[in-house]
Amino acid sequence: MRDEADRGVSEDRGPGPAAPAAHARGEARDPALAEPRLLQPIPAIGRGRIGLEIAIVLGLGLGRSAVYSIVQLADALTRPEPIGQQTTTLNPSQSSREVFDLIYQLLGITFSLVPVLLVGYLLWSRSRPHLGRLGIVRQGVGIDLLRGIGLLAVIGVAGLAIYLGGRALGIGLAVDPSGLSSYWWTVPVLLLSAVRASVQEEVVMIGYLFARLGDLRWNRWAIILGSALVRGSYHLYQGFGAFVANALMGALFGWLYTRWGRVLPFLVAHFLIDAIVFVGYPLAAAAWPALFGLPVAP
């Protein structure tokens, strides 16, 4: 486990990348550069270009999803039936023909990961760890796995309570996590969808956004809350309960990231949560449809 100096984050500068190593010729290291791994001076590309880069990255993926989600919520709120009586579907079928449904599902998962490849390219470092600015490091995998499992217990219980509370208050849509038909590949594709969601959201919203907003000199809490609000906004199509639950999860993840400086615990927790929801939730909803608000199959 790293010490406090290695994982610390400045209150007024926000998280950033590793400090440069001492010069290869052996000069004394500048004390001003002896900073935590997540901090370094603003890159030469400049603040305006960093802001544009952030807009492009979000516009290619999760930011675009946030805009669509807001429009979908407005659509739901202006329909004759109350929002609490409406249903939204995750992982819907893309074709009535099995082979093309599978192809479309795999293509959707693959292309949604392109923004992840982009941020990896943008923040790649020639020195090891190459993706350290994204919080991706090889050491300490065991403790990261345990942290992820611990987060599953906290987030899973709290998220379910907020979802059911939103349903009871009539401010959330009933969520059907899988609109796929029962094929031999349904469960593997749902698990791949869980991998896609965890990698896309945590690498971009935590690793990338915290690094770049730190470069812009945002303070720690501005970064945490800004990232959390974006995370909540692209879940608004599920209703206000989902916004609150995901924003709170984002705030917790962000705060812990500023302490740990590692993204793997959040990848693990997010994957486990979505895997349980995508695969296990339909079974629970079928057993207790009135509780979860899904229509009963004929």
C-alpha atoms as a PDB file:
ATOM      1  CA  MET A   1       0.000   0.000   0.000  1.00  0.00           C
ATOM      2  CA  ARG A   2       1.332   3.409  -0.842  1.00  0.00           C
ATOM      3  CA  ASP A   3       1.996   6.036   1.804  1.00  0.00           C
ATOM      4  CA  GLU A   4       0.081   9.298   2.130  1.00  0.00           C
ATOM      5  CA  ALA A   5       2.591  11.285   0.106  1.00  0.00           C
ATOM      6  CA  ASP A   6       2.174   8.900  -2.815  1.00  0.00           C
ATOM      7  CA  ARG A   7      -1.575   8.982  -2.884  1.00  0.00           C
ATOM      8  CA  GLY A   8      -2.347  12.468  -1.625  1.00  0.00           C
ATOM      9  CA  VAL A   9      -4.312  15.072  -3.551  1.00  0.00           C
ATOM     10  CA  SER A  10      -4.080  18.804  -3.176  1.00  0.00           C
ATOM     11  CA  GLU A  11      -7.224  20.544  -1.983  1.00  0.00           C
ATOM     12  CA  ASP A  12      -6.859  23.429  -4.421  1.00  0.00           C
ATOM     13  CA  ARG A  13      -5.230  21.795  -7.427  1.00  0.00           C
ATOM     14  CA  GLY A  14      -7.066  18.506  -7.825  1.00  0.00           C
ATOM     15  CA  PRO A  15      -5.674  15.183  -8.965  1.00  0.00           C
ATOM     16  CA  GLY A  16      -3.231  15.031 -11.827  1.00  0.00           C
ATOM     17  CA  PRO A  17      -0.362  12.879 -13.107  1.00  0.00           C
ATOM     18  CA  ALA A  18       2.958  11.659 -11.852  1.00  0.00           C
ATOM     19  CA  ALA A  19       5.751  14.098 -11.111  1.00  0.00           C
ATOM     20  CA  PRO A  20       8.711  13.879 -13.502  1.00  0.00           C
ATOM     21  CA  ALA A  21      11.705  11.788 -12.491  1.00  0.00           C
ATOM     22  CA  ALA A  22      15.101  13.306 -11.816  1.00  0.00           C
ATOM     23  CA  HIS A  23      17.125  14.127 -14.921  1.00  0.00           C
ATOM     24  CA  ALA A  24      18.985  11.164 -16.419  1.00  0.00           C
ATOM     25  CA  ARG A  25      22.338  12.980 -16.160  1.00  0.00           C
ATOM     26  CA  GLY A  26      22.061  12.946 -12.379  1.00  0.00           C
ATOM     27  CA  GLU A  27      21.263  16.563 -11.485  1.00  0.00           C
ATOM     28  CA  ALA A  28      19.675  17.136  -8.096  1.00  0.00           C
ATOM     29  CA  ARG A  29      15.928  16.806  -8.201  1.00  0.00           C
ATOM     30  CA  ASP A  30      13.997  20.043  -7.911  1.00  0.00           C
ATOM     31  CA  PRO A  31      12.072  19.965  -4.593  1.00  0.00           C
ATOM     32  CA  ALA A  32       9.152  21.669  -6.350  1.00  0.00           C
ATOM     33  CA  LEU A  33       8.720  18.520  -8.430  1.00  0.00           C
ATOM     34  CA  ALA A  34       8.589  16.174  -5.434  1.00  0.00           C
ATOM     35  CA  GLU A  35       4.801  15.961  -5.575  1.00  0.00           C
ATOM     36  CA  PRO A  36       2.340  13.059  -5.306  1.00  0.00           C
ATOM     37  CA  ARG A  37       2.007  10.849  -8.372  1.00  0.00           C
ATOM     38  CA  LEU A  38      -1.350  12.379  -9.258  1.00  0.00           C
ATOM     39  CA  LEU A  39      -0.005  15.939  -9.566  1.00  0.00           C
ATOM     40  CA  GLN A  40       2.058  17.769 -12.161  1.00  0.00           C
ATOM     41  CA  PRO A  41       2.101  21.213 -13.818  1.00  0.00           C
ATOM     42  CA  ILE A  42      -0.411  22.080 -16.530  1.00  0.00           C
ATOM     43  CA  PRO A  43       0.679  20.426 -19.800  1.00  0.00           C
ATOM     44  CA  ALA A  44       1.977  22.649 -22.578  1.00  0.00           C
ATOM     45  CA  ILE A  45      -1.152  22.150 -24.682  1.00  0.00           C
ATOM     46  CA  GLY A  46      -2.908  24.841 -22.649  1.00  0.00           C
ATOM     47  CA  ARG A  47      -6.141  25.215 -20.711  1.00  0.00           C
ATOM     48  CA  GLY A  48      -8.369  26.031 -23.683  1.00  0.00           C
ATOM     49  CA  ARG A  49      -7.276  22.970 -25.591  1.00  0.00           C
ATOM     50  CA  ILE A  50      -7.727  20.752 -22.535  1.00  0.00           C
ATOM     51  CA  GLY A  51     -11.278  22.047 -22.146  1.00  0.00           C
ATOM     52  CA  LEU A  52     -11.981  21.324 -25.811  1.00  0.00           C
ATOM     53  CA  GLU A  53     -10.486  17.868 -25.439  1.00  0.00           C
ATOM     54  CA  ILE A  54     -12.769  17.131 -22.476  1.00  0.00           C
ATOM     55  CA  ALA A  55     -15.800  18.290 -24.473  1.00  0.00           C
ATOM     56  CA  ILE A  56     -14.845  16.032 -27.397  1.00  0.00           C
ATOM     57  CA  VAL A  57     -14.261  12.971 -25.200  1.00  0.00           C
ATOM     58  CA  LEU A  58     -17.572  13.415 -23.392  1.00  0.00           C
ATOM     59  CA  GLY A  59     -19.374  14.261 -26.628  1.00  0.00           C
ATOM     60  CA  LEU A  60     -18.272  10.944 -28.108  1.00  0.00           C
ATOM     61  CA  GLY A  61     -19.730   8.925 -25.265  1.00  0.00           C
ATOM     62  CA  LEU A  62     -21.075   9.673 -21.821  1.00  0.00           C
ATOM     63  CA  GLY A  63     -21.735  13.381 -22.387  1.00  0.00           C
ATOM     64  CA  ARG A  64     -23.829  12.509 -25.423  1.00  0.00           C
ATOM     65  CA  SER A  65     -25.658   9.918 -23.316  1.00  0.00           C
ATOM     66  CA  ALA A  66     -26.363  12.626 -20.730  1.00  0.00           C
ATOM     67  CA  VAL A  67     -27.974  14.885 -23.329  1.00  0.00           C
ATOM     68  CA  TYR A  68     -30.131  12.061 -24.671  1.00  0.00           C
ATOM     69  CA  SER A  69     -31.027  11.055 -21.120  1.00  0.00           C
ATOM     70  CA  ILE A  70     -32.268  14.546 -20.283  1.00  0.00           C
ATOM     71  CA  VAL A  71     -34.396  14.577 -23.438  1.00  0.00           C
ATOM     72  CA  GLN A  72     -35.772  11.119 -22.614  1.00  0.00           C
ATOM     73  CA  LEU A  73     -36.712  12.291 -19.121  1.00  0.00           C
ATOM     74  CA  ALA A  74     -38.494  15.322 -20.577  1.00  0.00           C
ATOM     75  CA  ASP A  75     -40.336  12.959 -22.928  1.00  0.00           C
ATOM     76  CA  ALA A  76     -41.383  10.745 -20.017  1.00  0.00           C
ATOM     77  CA  LEU A  77     -42.523  13.697 -17.884  1.00  0.00           C
ATOM     78  CA  THR A  78     -44.731  15.095 -20.649  1.00  0.00           C
ATOM     79  CA  ARG A  79     -46.574  11.852 -21.398  1.00  0.00           C
ATOM     80  CA  PRO A  80     -50.149  11.361 -20.188  1.00  0.00           C
ATOM     81  CA  GLU A  81     -49.270   8.483 -17.851  1.00  0.00           C
ATOM     82  CA  PRO A  82     -47.295   9.328 -14.690  1.00  0.00           C
ATOM     83  CA  ILE A  83     -43.577   8.620 -14.777  1.00  0.00           C
ATOM     84  CA  GLY A  84     -44.013   6.016 -12.055  1.00  0.00           C
ATOM     85  CA  GLN A  85     -46.171   3.925 -14.406  1.00  0.00           C
ATOM     86  CA  GLN A  86     -43.635   3.909 -17.244  1.00  0.00           C
ATOM     87  CA  THR A  87     -40.911   1.399 -18.005  1.00  0.00           C
ATOM     88  CA  THR A  88     -37.462   1.765 -19.538  1.00  0.00           C
ATOM     89  CA  THR A  89     -35.358  -1.102 -20.834  1.00  0.00           C
ATOM     90  CA  LEU A  90     -31.630  -1.640 -20.572  1.00  0.00           C
ATOM     91  CA  ASN A  91     -29.848  -3.849 -23.109  1.00  0.00           C
ATOM     92  CA  PRO A  92     -32.814  -4.018 -25.498  1.00  0.00           C
ATOM     93  CA  SER A  93     -32.970  -6.420 -28.401  1.00  0.00           C
ATOM     94  CA  GLN A  94     -31.686  -4.902 -31.658  1.00  0.00           C
ATOM     95  CA  SER A  95     -33.203  -7.352 -34.112  1.00  0.00           C
ATOM     96  CA  SER A  96     -35.843 -10.069 -34.261  1.00  0.00           C
ATOM     97  CA  ARG A  97     -33.291 -12.289 -36.011  1.00  0.00           C
ATOM     98  CA  GLU A  98     -31.019 -14.009 -33.500  1.00  0.00           C
ATOM     99  CA  VAL A  99     -27.734 -13.827 -35.388  1.00  0.00           C
ATOM    100  CA  PHE A 100     -28.141 -10.131 -36.227  1.00  0.00           C
ATOM    101  CA  ASP A 101     -29.240  -9.320 -32.700  1.00  0.00           C
ATOM    102  CA  LEU A 102     -25.965 -10.861 -31.479  1.00  0.00           C
ATOM    103  CA  ILE A 103     -23.942  -8.945 -34.082  1.00  0.00           C
ATOM    104  CA  TYR A 104     -25.589  -5.640 -33.175  1.00  0.00           C
ATOM    105  CA  GLN A 105     -25.032  -6.255 -29.458  1.00  0.00           C
ATOM    106  CA  LEU A 106     -21.327  -6.993 -29.939  1.00  0.00           C
ATOM    107  CA  LEU A 107     -20.864  -4.014 -32.252  1.00  0.00           C
ATOM    108  CA  GLY A 108     -22.541  -1.707 -29.749  1.00  0.00           C
ATOM    109  CA  ILE A 109     -20.317  -2.916 -26.911  1.00  0.00           C
ATOM    110  CA  THR A 110     -17.170  -2.606 -29.031  1.00  0.00           C
ATOM    111  CA  PHE A 111     -17.773   0.898 -30.369  1.00  0.00           C
ATOM    112  CA  SER A 112     -18.858   2.251 -26.985  1.00  0.00           C
ATOM    113  CA  LEU A 113     -15.328   1.498 -25.744  1.00  0.00           C
ATOM    114  CA  VAL A 114     -13.684   3.736 -28.358  1.00  0.00           C
ATOM    115  CA  PRO A 115     -13.679   6.768 -25.991  1.00  0.00           C
ATOM    116  CA  VAL A 116     -11.777   4.619 -23.487  1.00  0.00           C
ATOM    117  CA  LEU A 117      -9.118   3.890 -26.099  1.00  0.00           C
ATOM    118  CA  LEU A 118      -9.023   7.600 -26.918  1.00  0.00           C
ATOM    119  CA  VAL A 119      -8.345   8.716 -23.343  1.00  0.00           C
ATOM    120  CA  GLY A 120      -5.722   5.990 -23.023  1.00  0.00           C
ATOM    121  CA  TYR A 121      -4.024   7.392 -26.106  1.00  0.00           C
ATOM    122  CA  LEU A 122      -4.282  10.983 -24.872  1.00  0.00           C
ATOM    123  CA  LEU A 123      -2.838  10.286 -21.422  1.00  0.00           C
ATOM    124  CA  TRP A 124      -0.360   7.562 -22.341  1.00  0.00           C
ATOM    125  CA  SER A 125       3.033   8.050 -20.739  1.00  0.00           C
ATOM    126  CA  ARG A 126       6.304   6.760 -22.165  1.00  0.00           C
ATOM    127  CA  SER A 127       7.459   5.920 -18.647  1.00  0.00           C
ATOM    128  CA  ARG A 128       5.894   3.279 -16.428  1.00  0.00           C
ATOM    129  CA  PRO A 129       3.130   3.045 -15.421  1.00  0.00           C
ATOM    130  CA  HIS A 130       2.049   4.009 -18.927  1.00  0.00           C
ATOM    131  CA  LEU A 131      -1.559   4.633 -17.874  1.00  0.00           C
ATOM    132  CA  GLY A 132      -0.770   5.906 -14.410  1.00  0.00           C
ATOM    133  CA  ARG A 133      -2.579   9.189 -15.031  1.00  0.00           C
ATOM    134  CA  LEU A 134      -5.769   7.166 -15.486  1.00  0.00           C
ATOM    135  CA  GLY A 135      -5.182   5.396 -12.187  1.00  0.00           C
ATOM    136  CA  ILE A 136      -4.325   2.136 -13.964  1.00  0.00           C
ATOM    137  CA  VAL A 137      -1.351   0.460 -12.309  1.00  0.00           C
ATOM    138  CA  ARG A 138      -0.273  -3.151 -11.939  1.00  0.00           C
ATOM    139  CA  GLN A 139       0.701  -3.250  -8.281  1.00  0.00           C
ATOM    140  CA  GLY A 140      -1.725  -3.976  -5.458  1.00  0.00           C
ATOM    141  CA  VAL A 141      -4.328  -5.845  -7.518  1.00  0.00           C
ATOM    142  CA  GLY A 142      -5.332  -8.043  -4.579  1.00  0.00           C
ATOM    143  CA  ILE A 143      -6.255  -5.164  -2.278  1.00  0.00           C
ATOM    144  CA  ASP A 144      -8.068  -3.458  -5.162  1.00  0.00           C
ATOM    145  CA  LEU A 145     -10.219  -6.552  -5.682  1.00  0.00           C
ATOM    146  CA  LEU A 146     -11.123  -6.630  -1.997  1.00  0.00           C
ATOM    147  CA  ARG A 147     -11.960  -2.930  -2.058  1.00  0.00           C
ATOM    148  CA  GLY A 148     -14.206  -3.479  -5.080  1.00  0.00           C
ATOM    149  CA  ILE A 149     -16.092  -6.284  -3.354  1.00  0.00           C
ATOM    150  CA  GLY A 150     -16.532  -4.107  -0.273  1.00  0.00           C
ATOM    151  CA  LEU A 151     -17.923  -1.285  -2.405  1.00  0.00           C
ATOM    152  CA  LEU A 152     -20.372  -3.750  -3.963  1.00  0.00           C
ATOM    153  CA  ALA A 153     -21.939  -4.392  -0.574  1.00  0.00           C
ATOM    154  CA  VAL A 154     -22.302  -0.683   0.205  1.00  0.00           C
ATOM    155  CA  ILE A 155     -23.433   0.533  -3.222  1.00  0.00           C
ATOM    156  CA  GLY A 156     -25.647  -2.464  -3.970  1.00  0.00           C
ATOM    157  CA  VAL A 157     -27.787  -2.158  -0.855  1.00  0.00           C
ATOM    158  CA  ALA A 158     -28.001   1.651  -0.996  1.00  0.00           C
ATOM    159  CA  GLY A 159     -28.759   1.684  -4.735  1.00  0.00           C
ATOM    160  CA  LEU A 160     -31.578  -0.834  -4.409  1.00  0.00           C
ATOM    161  CA  ALA A 161     -33.074   1.129  -1.523  1.00  0.00           C
ATOM    162  CA  ILE A 162     -33.000   4.393  -3.499  1.00  0.00           C
ATOM    163  CA  TYR A 163     -34.487   2.696  -6.574  1.00  0.00           C
ATOM    164  CA  LEU A 164     -37.368   1.185  -4.590  1.00  0.00           C
ATOM    165  CA  GLY A 165     -37.855   4.483  -2.773  1.00  0.00           C
ATOM    166  CA  GLY A 166     -38.073   6.323  -6.089  1.00  0.00           C
ATOM    167  CA  ARG A 167     -40.594   3.792  -7.337  1.00  0.00           C
ATOM    168  CA  ALA A 168     -42.670   4.189  -4.178  1.00  0.00           C
ATOM    169  CA  LEU A 169     -42.647   7.981  -4.558  1.00  0.00           C
ATOM    170  CA  GLY A 170     -43.548   7.751  -8.242  1.00  0.00           C
ATOM    171  CA  ILE A 171     -40.435   9.636  -9.415  1.00  0.00           C
ATOM    172  CA  GLY A 172     -38.677   6.756 -11.132  1.00  0.00           C
ATOM    173  CA  LEU A 173     -39.440   4.532 -14.077  1.00  0.00           C
ATOM    174  CA  ALA A 174     -39.595   0.767 -13.729  1.00  0.00           C
ATOM    175  CA  VAL A 175     -36.278  -0.515 -15.088  1.00  0.00           C
ATOM    176  CA  ASP A 176     -36.128  -3.718 -17.105  1.00  0.00           C
ATOM    177  CA  PRO A 177     -32.378  -4.530 -17.146  1.00  0.00           C
ATOM    178  CA  SER A 178     -32.598  -6.977 -20.027  1.00  0.00           C
ATOM    179  CA  GLY A 179     -34.833  -6.722 -23.057  1.00  0.00           C
ATOM    180  CA  LEU A 180     -32.983  -9.567 -24.749  1.00  0.00           C
ATOM    181  CA  SER A 181     -34.672 -12.780 -25.727  1.00  0.00           C
ATOM    182  CA  SER A 182     -33.425 -16.003 -24.157  1.00  0.00           C
ATOM    183  CA  TYR A 183     -30.642 -17.203 -26.446  1.00  0.00           C
ATOM    184  CA  TRP A 184     -27.541 -19.228 -25.655  1.00  0.00           C
ATOM    185  CA  TRP A 185     -25.512 -16.020 -25.781  1.00  0.00           C
ATOM    186  CA  THR A 186     -27.805 -13.817 -23.683  1.00  0.00           C
ATOM    187  CA  VAL A 187     -25.971 -14.144 -20.358  1.00  0.00           C
ATOM    188  CA  PRO A 188     -22.459 -13.773 -21.873  1.00  0.00           C
ATOM    189  CA  VAL A 189     -23.574 -10.632 -23.722  1.00  0.00           C
ATOM    190  CA  LEU A 190     -25.113  -9.206 -20.554  1.00  0.00           C
ATOM    191  CA  LEU A 191     -21.840  -9.822 -18.716  1.00  0.00           C
ATOM    192  CA  LEU A 192     -19.941  -8.146 -21.553  1.00  0.00           C
ATOM    193  CA  SER A 193     -22.338  -5.210 -21.229  1.00  0.00           C
ATOM    194  CA  ALA A 194     -21.443  -5.032 -17.536  1.00  0.00           C
ATOM    195  CA  VAL A 195     -17.741  -4.973 -18.452  1.00  0.00           C
ATOM    196  CA  ARG A 196     -18.396  -2.255 -21.027  1.00  0.00           C
ATOM    197  CA  ALA A 197     -20.311  -0.077 -18.569  1.00  0.00           C
ATOM    198  CA  SER A 198     -17.706  -0.392 -15.822  1.00  0.00           C
ATOM    199  CA  VAL A 199     -14.718   0.272 -18.084  1.00  0.00           C
ATOM    200  CA  GLN A 200     -16.344   3.131 -19.980  1.00  0.00           C
ATOM    201  CA  GLU A 201     -17.684   4.941 -16.945  1.00  0.00           C
ATOM    202  CA  GLU A 202     -14.856   4.480 -14.462  1.00  0.00           C
ATOM    203  CA  VAL A 203     -11.932   5.059 -16.825  1.00  0.00           C
ATOM    204  CA  VAL A 204     -13.538   8.152 -18.365  1.00  0.00           C
ATOM    205  CA  MET A 205     -15.448   9.645 -15.434  1.00  0.00           C
ATOM    206  CA  ILE A 206     -12.850   8.871 -12.777  1.00  0.00           C
ATOM    207  CA  GLY A 207      -9.444   8.295 -14.349  1.00  0.00           C
ATOM    208  CA  TYR A 208      -9.598  10.702 -17.287  1.00  0.00           C
ATOM    209  CA  LEU A 209     -11.847  13.450 -15.968  1.00  0.00           C
ATOM    210  CA  PHE A 210     -10.043  13.723 -12.651  1.00  0.00           C
ATOM    211  CA  ALA A 211      -6.686  13.993 -14.429  1.00  0.00           C
ATOM    212  CA  ARG A 212      -7.784  16.633 -16.921  1.00  0.00           C
ATOM    213  CA  LEU A 213      -9.831  18.734 -14.505  1.00  0.00           C
ATOM    214  CA  GLY A 214      -6.846  18.605 -12.182  1.00  0.00           C
ATOM    215  CA  ASP A 215      -4.748  19.996 -15.052  1.00  0.00           C
ATOM    216  CA  LEU A 216      -7.239  22.878 -15.214  1.00  0.00           C
ATOM    217  CA  ARG A 217      -6.628  23.582 -11.509  1.00  0.00           C
ATOM    218  CA  TRP A 218     -10.098  22.587 -10.366  1.00  0.00           C
ATOM    219  CA  ASN A 219     -10.038  21.851  -6.654  1.00  0.00           C
ATOM    220  CA  ARG A 220     -10.699  18.355  -5.377  1.00  0.00           C
ATOM    221  CA  TRP A 221     -14.349  18.775  -4.407  1.00  0.00           C
ATOM    222  CA  ALA A 222     -15.234  20.609  -7.594  1.00  0.00           C
ATOM    223  CA  ILE A 223     -13.881  17.651  -9.546  1.00  0.00           C
ATOM    224  CA  ILE A 224     -15.658  15.083  -7.360  1.00  0.00           C
ATOM    225  CA  LEU A 225     -19.034  16.846  -7.534  1.00  0.00           C
ATOM    226  CA  GLY A 226     -18.722  17.767 -11.215  1.00  0.00           C
ATOM    227  CA  SER A 227     -17.968  14.182 -12.194  1.00  0.00           C
ATOM    228  CA  ALA A 228     -20.762  12.886  -9.945  1.00  0.00           C
ATOM    229  CA  LEU A 229     -23.329  15.211 -11.499  1.00  0.00           C
ATOM    230  CA  VAL A 230     -22.384  14.116 -15.012  1.00  0.00           C
ATOM    231  CA  ARG A 231     -22.635  10.475 -13.911  1.00  0.00           C
ATOM    232  CA  GLY A 232     -26.072  11.071 -12.470  1.00  0.00           C
ATOM    233  CA  SER A 233     -27.252  13.003 -15.538  1.00  0.00           C
ATOM    234  CA  TYR A 234     -26.711  10.160 -18.005  1.00  0.00           C
ATOM    235  CA  HIS A 235     -28.941   7.980 -15.816  1.00  0.00           C
ATOM    236  CA  LEU A 236     -31.825  10.470 -15.780  1.00  0.00           C
ATOM    237  CA  TYR A 237     -33.723   8.442 -18.386  1.00  0.00           C
ATOM    238  CA  GLN A 238     -34.446   6.046 -15.506  1.00  0.00           C
ATOM    239  CA  GLY A 239     -35.967   8.824 -13.388  1.00  0.00           C
ATOM    240  CA  PHE A 240     -34.909  11.052 -10.529  1.00  0.00           C
ATOM    241  CA  GLY A 241     -34.141   8.175  -8.163  1.00  0.00           C
ATOM    242  CA  ALA A 242     -31.506   6.828 -10.556  1.00  0.00           C
ATOM    243  CA  PHE A 243     -29.980  10.307 -10.836  1.00  0.00           C
ATOM    244  CA  VAL A 244     -29.615  10.579  -7.057  1.00  0.00           C
ATOM    245  CA  ALA A 245     -28.294   7.026  -6.641  1.00  0.00           C
ATOM    246  CA  ASN A 246     -25.678   7.330  -9.371  1.00  0.00           C
ATOM    247  CA  ALA A 247     -24.603  10.832  -8.365  1.00  0.00           C
ATOM    248  CA  LEU A 248     -24.039   9.638  -4.802  1.00  0.00           C
ATOM    249  CA  MET A 249     -22.121   6.622  -6.085  1.00  0.00           C
ATOM    250  CA  GLY A 250     -20.007   8.915  -8.247  1.00  0.00           C
ATOM    251  CA  ALA A 251     -19.267  11.204  -5.310  1.00  0.00           C
ATOM    252  CA  LEU A 252     -18.202   8.247  -3.152  1.00  0.00           C
ATOM    253  CA  PHE A 253     -16.068   6.774  -5.930  1.00  0.00           C
ATOM    254  CA  GLY A 254     -14.490  10.140  -6.626  1.00  0.00           C
ATOM    255  CA  TRP A 255     -13.645  10.813  -3.002  1.00  0.00           C
ATOM    256  CA  LEU A 256     -12.101   7.371  -2.606  1.00  0.00           C
ATOM    257  CA  TYR A 257     -10.129   7.839  -5.825  1.00  0.00           C
ATOM    258  CA  THR A 258      -8.519  10.967  -4.444  1.00  0.00           C
ATOM    259  CA  ARG A 259      -7.324   8.828  -1.535  1.00  0.00           C
ATOM    260  CA  TRP A 260      -6.372   5.641  -3.392  1.00  0.00           C
ATOM    261  CA  GLY A 261      -5.339   6.966  -6.805  1.00  0.00           C
ATOM    262  CA  ARG A 262      -6.348   3.658  -8.400  1.00  0.00           C
ATOM    263  CA  VAL A 263      -9.297   2.950 -10.670  1.00  0.00           C
ATOM    264  CA  LEU A 264      -9.422  -0.875 -10.401  1.00  0.00           C
ATOM    265  CA  PRO A 265     -11.567  -1.006  -7.210  1.00  0.00           C
ATOM    266  CA  PHE A 266     -14.269   0.975  -8.989  1.00  0.00           C
ATOM    267  CA  LEU A 267     -14.042  -1.167 -12.119  1.00  0.00           C
ATOM    268  CA  VAL A 268     -14.565  -4.265  -9.979  1.00  0.00           C
ATOM    269  CA  ALA A 269     -17.438  -2.807  -7.964  1.00  0.00           C
ATOM    270  CA  HIS A 270     -19.208  -1.399 -11.031  1.00  0.00           C
ATOM    271  CA  PHE A 271     -18.880  -4.654 -12.957  1.00  0.00           C
ATOM    272  CA  LEU A 272     -20.223  -6.743 -10.078  1.00  0.00           C
ATOM    273  CA  ILE A 273     -23.162  -4.390  -9.526  1.00  0.00           C
ATOM    274  CA  ASP A 274     -24.154  -4.381 -13.198  1.00  0.00           C
ATOM    275  CA  ALA A 275     -23.596  -8.128 -13.587  1.00  0.00           C
ATOM    276  CA  ILE A 276     -25.957  -8.797 -10.693  1.00  0.00           C
ATOM    277  CA  VAL A 277     -28.494  -6.289 -12.001  1.00  0.00           C
ATOM    278  CA  PHE A 278     -28.402  -7.466 -15.625  1.00  0.00           C
ATOM    279  CA  VAL A 279     -28.483 -11.196 -14.867  1.00  0.00           C
ATOM    280  CA  GLY A 280     -30.057 -11.520 -11.429  1.00  0.00           C
ATOM    281  CA  TYR A 281     -32.533  -8.643 -11.356  1.00  0.00           C
ATOM    282  CA  PRO A 282     -34.877 -10.115 -14.012  1.00  0.00           C
ATOM    283  CA  LEU A 283     -35.205 -13.252 -11.889  1.00  0.00           C
ATOM    284  CA  ALA A 284     -36.046 -11.218  -8.782  1.00  0.00           C
ATOM    285  CA  ALA A 285     -38.450  -8.981 -10.726  1.00  0.00           C
ATOM    286  CA  ALA A 286     -40.194 -12.041 -12.190  1.00  0.00           C
ATOM    287  CA  ALA A 287     -40.614 -13.457  -8.697  1.00  0.00           C
ATOM    288  CA  TRP A 288     -41.854 -10.155  -7.184  1.00  0.00           C
ATOM    289  CA  PRO A 289     -43.192  -8.044 -10.093  1.00  0.00           C
ATOM    290  CA  ALA A 290     -45.305  -5.794  -7.870  1.00  0.00           C
ATOM    291  CA  LEU A 291     -42.243  -4.814  -5.832  1.00  0.00           C
ATOM    292  CA  PHE A 292     -40.128  -3.887  -8.853  1.00  0.00           C
ATOM    293  CA  GLY A 293     -42.933  -2.464 -10.949  1.00  0.00           C
ATOM    294  CA  LEU A 294     -42.338  -4.495 -14.117  1.00  0.00           C
ATOM    295  CA  PRO A 295     -45.243  -5.791 -16.184  1.00  0.00           C
ATOM    296  CA  VAL A 296     -46.085  -9.440 -15.590  1.00  0.00           C
ATOM    297  CA  ALA A 297     -45.326 -11.704 -18.559  1.00  0.00           C
ATOM    298  CA  PRO A 298     -48.482 -13.339 -19.975  1.00  0.00           C
END
